[in-house]
Amino acid sequence: MFDPANKQHRAYFYEFLERGTWGRCPYRFIIQEGHRDSLVIQIQKMLLNYYINAEFQSNQKSKESVDKKIKPLYNVNDAVKSI
């Protein structure tokens, strides 16, 4: 089965798109049960999900690291106590 996280699988799919044949691919990818799409469309959907998840996970991590670096100028609780 095609694994979008596997760099070799992605390379062989890219080669298929360039050449139009699976001739040099040592793997035999199969359509998952319940899918009505062609193998190529199924792989494209898997890659789309993989890259979207990777992008949002990296954005979340970078946002968290930025949030940790930003320090407030004052603590709201200290300001309320002084009133």
PDB file of N, CA and C in Angstrom:
ATOM      1  N   MET A   1       0.834  -1.168   0.000  1.00  0.00           N
ATOM      2  CA  MET A   1       0.000   0.000   0.000  1.00  0.00           C
ATOM      3  C   MET A   1       0.888   1.244   0.000  1.00  0.00           C
ATOM      4  N   PHE A   2       0.457   2.279  -0.690  1.00  0.00           N
ATOM      5  CA  PHE A   2       1.223   3.513  -0.781  1.00  0.00           C
ATOM      6  C   PHE A   2       1.258   4.204   0.571  1.00  0.00           C
ATOM      7  N   ASP A   3       2.444   4.644   0.971  1.00  0.00           N
ATOM      8  CA  ASP A   3       2.630   5.368   2.232  1.00  0.00           C
ATOM      9  C   ASP A   3       3.182   6.748   1.893  1.00  0.00           C
ATOM     10  N   PRO A   4       2.384   7.815   2.056  1.00  0.00           N
ATOM     11  CA  PRO A   4       2.852   9.141   1.689  1.00  0.00           C
ATOM     12  C   PRO A   4       4.027   9.628   2.542  1.00  0.00           C
ATOM     13  N   ALA A   5       4.218   9.053   3.714  1.00  0.00           N
ATOM     14  CA  ALA A   5       5.349   9.441   4.561  1.00  0.00           C
ATOM     15  C   ALA A   5       6.655   8.797   4.095  1.00  0.00           C
ATOM     16  N   ASN A   6       6.557   7.796   3.235  1.00  0.00           N
ATOM     17  CA  ASN A   6       7.732   7.092   2.732  1.00  0.00           C
ATOM     18  C   ASN A   6       8.307   7.867   1.532  1.00  0.00           C
ATOM     19  N   LYS A   7       9.523   8.351   1.693  1.00  0.00           N
ATOM     20  CA  LYS A   7      10.161   9.168   0.660  1.00  0.00           C
ATOM     21  C   LYS A   7      10.314   8.408  -0.663  1.00  0.00           C
ATOM     22  N   GLN A   8      10.610   7.121  -0.588  1.00  0.00           N
ATOM     23  CA  GLN A   8      10.753   6.308  -1.803  1.00  0.00           C
ATOM     24  C   GLN A   8       9.419   6.183  -2.545  1.00  0.00           C
ATOM     25  N   HIS A   9       8.353   5.993  -1.795  1.00  0.00           N
ATOM     26  CA  HIS A   9       7.036   5.886  -2.431  1.00  0.00           C
ATOM     27  C   HIS A   9       6.697   7.181  -3.173  1.00  0.00           C
ATOM     28  N   ARG A  10       6.984   8.309  -2.542  1.00  0.00           N
ATOM     29  CA  ARG A  10       6.716   9.597  -3.195  1.00  0.00           C
ATOM     30  C   ARG A  10       7.578   9.757  -4.442  1.00  0.00           C
ATOM     31  N   ALA A  11       8.825   9.321  -4.379  1.00  0.00           N
ATOM     32  CA  ALA A  11       9.724   9.426  -5.537  1.00  0.00           C
ATOM     33  C   ALA A  11       9.225   8.562  -6.692  1.00  0.00           C
ATOM     34  N   TYR A  12       8.772   7.347  -6.389  1.00  0.00           N
ATOM     35  CA  TYR A  12       8.257   6.481  -7.457  1.00  0.00           C
ATOM     36  C   TYR A  12       6.965   7.036  -8.048  1.00  0.00           C
ATOM     37  N   PHE A  13       6.131   7.671  -7.234  1.00  0.00           N
ATOM     38  CA  PHE A  13       4.910   8.276  -7.771  1.00  0.00           C
ATOM     39  C   PHE A  13       5.263   9.458  -8.673  1.00  0.00           C
ATOM     40  N   TYR A  14       6.241  10.259  -8.243  1.00  0.00           N
ATOM     41  CA  TYR A  14       6.697  11.373  -9.083  1.00  0.00           C
ATOM     42  C   TYR A  14       7.221  10.849 -10.423  1.00  0.00           C
ATOM     43  N   GLU A  15       7.994   9.777 -10.351  1.00  0.00           N
ATOM     44  CA  GLU A  15       8.527   9.183 -11.585  1.00  0.00           C
ATOM     45  C   GLU A  15       7.387   8.689 -12.476  1.00  0.00           C
ATOM     46  N   PHE A  16       6.347   8.099 -11.859  1.00  0.00           N
ATOM     47  CA  PHE A  16       5.188   7.670 -12.637  1.00  0.00           C
ATOM     48  C   PHE A  16       4.537   8.862 -13.348  1.00  0.00           C
ATOM     49  N   LEU A  17       4.410   9.978 -12.639  1.00  0.00           N
ATOM     50  CA  LEU A  17       3.797  11.159 -13.242  1.00  0.00           C
ATOM     51  C   LEU A  17       4.643  11.687 -14.399  1.00  0.00           C
ATOM     52  N   GLU A  18       5.959  11.610 -14.262  1.00  0.00           N
ATOM     53  CA  GLU A  18       6.852  12.087 -15.312  1.00  0.00           C
ATOM     54  C   GLU A  18       6.853  11.161 -16.533  1.00  0.00           C
ATOM     55  N   ARG A  19       6.898   9.861 -16.297  1.00  0.00           N
ATOM     56  CA  ARG A  19       7.058   8.887 -17.375  1.00  0.00           C
ATOM     57  C   ARG A  19       5.740   8.286 -17.870  1.00  0.00           C
ATOM     58  N   GLY A  20       4.720   8.303 -17.000  1.00  0.00           N
ATOM     59  CA  GLY A  20       3.440   7.712 -17.375  1.00  0.00           C
ATOM     60  C   GLY A  20       3.418   6.195 -17.274  1.00  0.00           C
ATOM     61  N   THR A  21       4.380   5.619 -16.552  1.00  0.00           N
ATOM     62  CA  THR A  21       4.437   4.163 -16.390  1.00  0.00           C
ATOM     63  C   THR A  21       5.013   3.824 -15.015  1.00  0.00           C
ATOM     64  N   TRP A  22       4.580   2.676 -14.495  1.00  0.00           N
ATOM     65  CA  TRP A  22       5.109   2.169 -13.235  1.00  0.00           C
ATOM     66  C   TRP A  22       6.270   1.198 -13.502  1.00  0.00           C
ATOM     67  N   GLY A  23       6.764   1.141 -14.725  1.00  0.00           N
ATOM     68  CA  GLY A  23       7.757   0.160 -15.154  1.00  0.00           C
ATOM     69  C   GLY A  23       8.985   0.031 -14.281  1.00  0.00           C
ATOM     70  N   ARG A  24       9.491   1.102 -13.730  1.00  0.00           N
ATOM     71  CA  ARG A  24      10.721   1.044 -12.915  1.00  0.00           C
ATOM     72  C   ARG A  24      10.449   0.968 -11.419  1.00  0.00           C
ATOM     73  N   CYS A  25       9.188   0.908 -11.055  1.00  0.00           N
ATOM     74  CA  CYS A  25       8.813   0.876  -9.636  1.00  0.00           C
ATOM     75  C   CYS A  25       8.840  -0.558  -9.125  1.00  0.00           C
ATOM     76  N   PRO A  26       9.625  -0.837  -8.077  1.00  0.00           N
ATOM     77  CA  PRO A  26       9.688  -2.207  -7.552  1.00  0.00           C
ATOM     78  C   PRO A  26       8.474  -2.560  -6.685  1.00  0.00           C
ATOM     79  N   TYR A  27       7.631  -1.578  -6.375  1.00  0.00           N
ATOM     80  CA  TYR A  27       6.452  -1.811  -5.545  1.00  0.00           C
ATOM     81  C   TYR A  27       5.225  -1.988  -6.427  1.00  0.00           C
ATOM     82  N   ARG A  28       4.255  -2.682  -5.892  1.00  0.00           N
ATOM     83  CA  ARG A  28       2.962  -2.797  -6.557  1.00  0.00           C
ATOM     84  C   ARG A  28       1.934  -2.194  -5.599  1.00  0.00           C
ATOM     85  N   PHE A  29       1.527  -0.972  -5.890  1.00  0.00           N
ATOM     86  CA  PHE A  29       0.555  -0.295  -5.051  1.00  0.00           C
ATOM     87  C   PHE A  29      -0.839  -0.773  -5.424  1.00  0.00           C
ATOM     88  N   ILE A  30      -1.688  -0.922  -4.407  1.00  0.00           N
ATOM     89  CA  ILE A  30      -3.039  -1.400  -4.661  1.00  0.00           C
ATOM     90  C   ILE A  30      -4.053  -0.377  -4.157  1.00  0.00           C
ATOM     91  N   ILE A  31      -5.244  -0.445  -4.716  1.00  0.00           N
ATOM     92  CA  ILE A  31      -6.331   0.441  -4.288  1.00  0.00           C
ATOM     93  C   ILE A  31      -6.888  -0.106  -2.984  1.00  0.00           C
ATOM     94  N   GLN A  32      -7.114   0.786  -2.027  1.00  0.00           N
ATOM     95  CA  GLN A  32      -7.672   0.364  -0.749  1.00  0.00           C
ATOM     96  C   GLN A  32      -9.125  -0.061  -0.936  1.00  0.00           C
ATOM     97  N   GLU A  33      -9.554  -0.966  -0.097  1.00  0.00           N
ATOM     98  CA  GLU A  33     -10.942  -1.431  -0.170  1.00  0.00           C
ATOM     99  C   GLU A  33     -11.897  -0.276   0.095  1.00  0.00           C
ATOM    100  N   GLY A  34     -12.978  -0.268  -0.636  1.00  0.00           N
ATOM    101  CA  GLY A  34     -13.996   0.750  -0.427  1.00  0.00           C
ATOM    102  C   GLY A  34     -13.785   2.014  -1.232  1.00  0.00           C
ATOM    103  N   HIS A  35     -12.640   2.140  -1.882  1.00  0.00           N
ATOM    104  CA  HIS A  35     -12.374   3.326  -2.700  1.00  0.00           C
ATOM    105  C   HIS A  35     -12.804   3.055  -4.131  1.00  0.00           C
ATOM    106  N   ARG A  36     -13.465   4.022  -4.706  1.00  0.00           N
ATOM    107  CA  ARG A  36     -13.908   3.875  -6.092  1.00  0.00           C
ATOM    108  C   ARG A  36     -13.007   4.637  -7.055  1.00  0.00           C
ATOM    109  N   ASP A  37     -12.076   5.369  -6.509  1.00  0.00           N
ATOM    110  CA  ASP A  37     -11.162   6.156  -7.337  1.00  0.00           C
ATOM    111  C   ASP A  37     -10.107   5.262  -7.976  1.00  0.00           C
ATOM    112  N   SER A  38      -9.443   5.798  -9.000  1.00  0.00           N
ATOM    113  CA  SER A  38      -8.304   5.091  -9.576  1.00  0.00           C
ATOM    114  C   SER A  38      -7.140   5.164  -8.592  1.00  0.00           C
ATOM    115  N   LEU A  39      -6.147   4.362  -8.827  1.00  0.00           N
ATOM    116  CA  LEU A  39      -4.968   4.347  -7.962  1.00  0.00           C
ATOM    117  C   LEU A  39      -4.303   5.716  -7.918  1.00  0.00           C
ATOM    118  N   VAL A  40      -4.195   6.364  -9.067  1.00  0.00           N
ATOM    119  CA  VAL A  40      -3.527   7.667  -9.131  1.00  0.00           C
ATOM    120  C   VAL A  40      -4.289   8.706  -8.309  1.00  0.00           C
ATOM    121  N   ILE A  41      -5.595   8.741  -8.438  1.00  0.00           N
ATOM    122  CA  ILE A  41      -6.394   9.707  -7.669  1.00  0.00           C
ATOM    123  C   ILE A  41      -6.312   9.397  -6.181  1.00  0.00           C
ATOM    124  N   GLN A  42      -6.339   8.127  -5.830  1.00  0.00           N
ATOM    125  CA  GLN A  42      -6.217   7.748  -4.424  1.00  0.00           C
ATOM    126  C   GLN A  42      -4.882   8.218  -3.848  1.00  0.00           C
ATOM    127  N   ILE A  43      -3.793   8.014  -4.585  1.00  0.00           N
ATOM    128  CA  ILE A  43      -2.468   8.451  -4.120  1.00  0.00           C
ATOM    129  C   ILE A  43      -2.413   9.975  -4.017  1.00  0.00           C
ATOM    130  N   GLN A  44      -3.000  10.674  -4.983  1.00  0.00           N
ATOM    131  CA  GLN A  44      -3.022  12.136  -4.919  1.00  0.00           C
ATOM    132  C   GLN A  44      -3.752  12.620  -3.676  1.00  0.00           C
ATOM    133  N   LYS A  45      -4.865  11.987  -3.341  1.00  0.00           N
ATOM    134  CA  LYS A  45      -5.606  12.363  -2.134  1.00  0.00           C
ATOM    135  C   LYS A  45      -4.783  12.088  -0.882  1.00  0.00           C
ATOM    136  N   MET A  46      -4.089  10.955  -0.859  1.00  0.00           N
ATOM    137  CA  MET A  46      -3.251  10.617   0.295  1.00  0.00           C
ATOM    138  C   MET A  46      -2.124  11.631   0.458  1.00  0.00           C
ATOM    139  N   LEU A  47      -1.511  12.027  -0.663  1.00  0.00           N
ATOM    140  CA  LEU A  47      -0.435  13.017  -0.610  1.00  0.00           C
ATOM    141  C   LEU A  47      -0.955  14.377  -0.158  1.00  0.00           C
ATOM    142  N   LEU A  48      -2.129  14.740  -0.639  1.00  0.00           N
ATOM    143  CA  LEU A  48      -2.723  16.010  -0.236  1.00  0.00           C
ATOM    144  C   LEU A  48      -2.934  16.037   1.277  1.00  0.00           C
ATOM    145  N   ASN A  49      -3.510  14.983   1.825  1.00  0.00           N
ATOM    146  CA  ASN A  49      -3.699  14.902   3.280  1.00  0.00           C
ATOM    147  C   ASN A  49      -2.364  14.941   4.018  1.00  0.00           C
ATOM    148  N   TYR A  50      -1.393  14.226   3.502  1.00  0.00           N
ATOM    149  CA  TYR A  50      -0.069  14.176   4.142  1.00  0.00           C
ATOM    150  C   TYR A  50       0.560  15.570   4.211  1.00  0.00           C
ATOM    151  N   TYR A  51       0.563  16.282   3.076  1.00  0.00           N
ATOM    152  CA  TYR A  51       1.205  17.595   3.052  1.00  0.00           C
ATOM    153  C   TYR A  51       0.425  18.644   3.830  1.00  0.00           C
ATOM    154  N   ILE A  52      -0.888  18.575   3.814  1.00  0.00           N
ATOM    155  CA  ILE A  52      -1.688  19.519   4.600  1.00  0.00           C
ATOM    156  C   ILE A  52      -1.428  19.295   6.084  1.00  0.00           C
ATOM    157  N   ASN A  53      -1.455  18.033   6.526  1.00  0.00           N
ATOM    158  CA  ASN A  53      -1.182  17.741   7.934  1.00  0.00           C
ATOM    159  C   ASN A  53       0.223  18.179   8.327  1.00  0.00           C
ATOM    160  N   ALA A  54       1.187  17.926   7.469  1.00  0.00           N
ATOM    161  CA  ALA A  54       2.567  18.326   7.765  1.00  0.00           C
ATOM    162  C   ALA A  54       2.684  19.844   7.881  1.00  0.00           C
ATOM    163  N   GLU A  55       2.002  20.558   7.004  1.00  0.00           N
ATOM    164  CA  GLU A  55       2.080  22.023   7.035  1.00  0.00           C
ATOM    165  C   GLU A  55       1.445  22.578   8.298  1.00  0.00           C
ATOM    166  N   PHE A  56       0.271  22.088   8.657  1.00  0.00           N
ATOM    167  CA  PHE A  56      -0.402  22.628   9.830  1.00  0.00           C
ATOM    168  C   PHE A  56       0.283  22.215  11.119  1.00  0.00           C
ATOM    169  N   GLN A  57       0.887  21.032  11.151  1.00  0.00           N
ATOM    170  CA  GLN A  57       1.628  20.633  12.340  1.00  0.00           C
ATOM    171  C   GLN A  57       2.867  21.500  12.517  1.00  0.00           C
ATOM    172  N   SER A  58       3.558  21.813  11.421  1.00  0.00           N
ATOM    173  CA  SER A  58       4.749  22.658  11.528  1.00  0.00           C
ATOM    174  C   SER A  58       4.349  24.081  11.891  1.00  0.00           C
ATOM    175  N   ASN A  59       3.228  24.567  11.365  1.00  0.00           N
ATOM    176  CA  ASN A  59       2.749  25.897  11.730  1.00  0.00           C
ATOM    177  C   ASN A  59       2.366  25.951  13.198  1.00  0.00           C
ATOM    178  N   GLN A  60       1.755  24.896  13.711  1.00  0.00           N
ATOM    179  CA  GLN A  60       1.369  24.847  15.119  1.00  0.00           C
ATOM    180  C   GLN A  60       2.602  24.858  16.005  1.00  0.00           C
ATOM    181  N   LYS A  61       3.627  24.086  15.626  1.00  0.00           N
ATOM    182  CA  LYS A  61       4.860  24.052  16.414  1.00  0.00           C
ATOM    183  C   LYS A  61       5.557  25.406  16.408  1.00  0.00           C
ATOM    184  N   SER A  62       5.609  26.065  15.244  1.00  0.00           N
ATOM    185  CA  SER A  62       6.280  27.359  15.177  1.00  0.00           C
ATOM    186  C   SER A  62       5.484  28.405  15.944  1.00  0.00           C
ATOM    187  N   LYS A  63       4.142  28.318  15.921  1.00  0.00           N
ATOM    188  CA  LYS A  63       3.313  29.254  16.682  1.00  0.00           C
ATOM    189  C   LYS A  63       3.547  29.071  18.175  1.00  0.00           C
ATOM    190  N   GLU A  64       3.643  27.810  18.614  1.00  0.00           N
ATOM    191  CA  GLU A  64       3.892  27.540  20.032  1.00  0.00           C
ATOM    192  C   GLU A  64       5.246  28.066  20.463  1.00  0.00           C
ATOM    193  N   SER A  65       6.257  27.923  19.613  1.00  0.00           N
ATOM    194  CA  SER A  65       7.579  28.422  19.986  1.00  0.00           C
ATOM    195  C   SER A  65       7.599  29.946  20.019  1.00  0.00           C
ATOM    196  N   VAL A  66       6.856  30.595  19.129  1.00  0.00           N
ATOM    197  CA  VAL A  66       6.759  32.057  19.148  1.00  0.00           C
ATOM    198  C   VAL A  66       6.020  32.509  20.391  1.00  0.00           C
ATOM    199  N   ASP A  67       4.930  31.807  20.744  1.00  0.00           N
ATOM    200  CA  ASP A  67       4.162  32.158  21.933  1.00  0.00           C
ATOM    201  C   ASP A  67       5.021  32.062  23.195  1.00  0.00           C
ATOM    202  N   LYS A  68       5.931  31.093  23.244  1.00  0.00           N
ATOM    203  CA  LYS A  68       6.806  30.941  24.404  1.00  0.00           C
ATOM    204  C   LYS A  68       7.811  32.088  24.494  1.00  0.00           C
ATOM    205  N   LYS A  69       8.213  32.617  23.352  1.00  0.00           N
ATOM    206  CA  LYS A  69       9.205  33.686  23.331  1.00  0.00           C
ATOM    207  C   LYS A  69       8.602  35.043  23.689  1.00  0.00           C
ATOM    208  N   ILE A  70       7.320  35.223  23.423  1.00  0.00           N
ATOM    209  CA  ILE A  70       6.663  36.501  23.704  1.00  0.00           C
ATOM    210  C   ILE A  70       6.300  36.544  25.176  1.00  0.00           C
ATOM    211  N   LYS A  71       6.800  37.553  25.862  1.00  0.00           N
ATOM    212  CA  LYS A  71       6.491  37.713  27.270  1.00  0.00           C
ATOM    213  C   LYS A  71       5.651  38.977  27.436  1.00  0.00           C
ATOM    214  N   PRO A  72       4.609  38.903  28.249  1.00  0.00           N
ATOM    215  CA  PRO A  72       3.775  40.094  28.437  1.00  0.00           C
ATOM    216  C   PRO A  72       4.548  41.189  29.155  1.00  0.00           C
ATOM    217  N   LEU A  73       4.169  42.431  28.894  1.00  0.00           N
ATOM    218  CA  LEU A  73       4.821  43.565  29.537  1.00  0.00           C
ATOM    219  C   LEU A  73       4.504  43.615  31.024  1.00  0.00           C
ATOM    220  N   TYR A  74       3.312  43.178  31.381  1.00  0.00           N
ATOM    221  CA  TYR A  74       2.932  43.121  32.784  1.00  0.00           C
ATOM    222  C   TYR A  74       1.966  41.968  32.981  1.00  0.00           C
ATOM    223  N   ASN A  75       1.826  41.566  34.213  1.00  0.00           N
ATOM    224  CA  ASN A  75       0.913  40.494  34.562  1.00  0.00           C
ATOM    225  C   ASN A  75      -0.424  41.109  34.932  1.00  0.00           C
ATOM    226  N   VAL A  76      -1.496  40.688  34.288  1.00  0.00           N
ATOM    227  CA  VAL A  76      -2.821  41.257  34.529  1.00  0.00           C
ATOM    228  C   VAL A  76      -3.230  41.045  35.980  1.00  0.00           C
ATOM    229  N   ASN A  77      -2.898  39.907  36.556  1.00  0.00           N
ATOM    230  CA  ASN A  77      -3.273  39.625  37.942  1.00  0.00           C
ATOM    231  C   ASN A  77      -2.592  40.601  38.894  1.00  0.00           C
ATOM    232  N   ASP A  78      -1.355  40.993  38.631  1.00  0.00           N
ATOM    233  CA  ASP A  78      -0.656  41.974  39.476  1.00  0.00           C
ATOM    234  C   ASP A  78      -1.334  43.331  39.369  1.00  0.00           C
ATOM    235  N   ALA A  79      -1.786  43.709  38.184  1.00  0.00           N
ATOM    236  CA  ALA A  79      -2.445  44.995  38.005  1.00  0.00           C
ATOM    237  C   ALA A  79      -3.761  45.037  38.752  1.00  0.00           C
ATOM    238  N   VAL A  80      -4.512  43.947  38.775  1.00  0.00           N
ATOM    239  CA  VAL A  80      -5.796  43.902  39.473  1.00  0.00           C
ATOM    240  C   VAL A  80      -5.570  43.964  40.982  1.00  0.00           C
ATOM    241  N   LYS A  81      -4.540  43.321  41.495  1.00  0.00           N
ATOM    242  CA  LYS A  81      -4.247  43.327  42.934  1.00  0.00           C
ATOM    243  C   LYS A  81      -3.906  44.717  43.438  1.00  0.00           C
ATOM    244  N   SER A  82      -3.277  45.525  42.582  1.00  0.00           N
ATOM    245  CA  SER A  82      -2.852  46.851  43.034  1.00  0.00           C
ATOM    246  C   SER A  82      -4.011  47.842  43.083  1.00  0.00           C
ATOM    247  N   ILE A  83      -5.135  47.501  42.491  1.00  0.00           N
ATOM    248  CA  ILE A  83      -6.281  48.438  42.479  1.00  0.00           C
ATOM    249  C   ILE A  83      -7.022  48.364  43.722  1.00  0.00           C
TER     250      ILE A  83
END
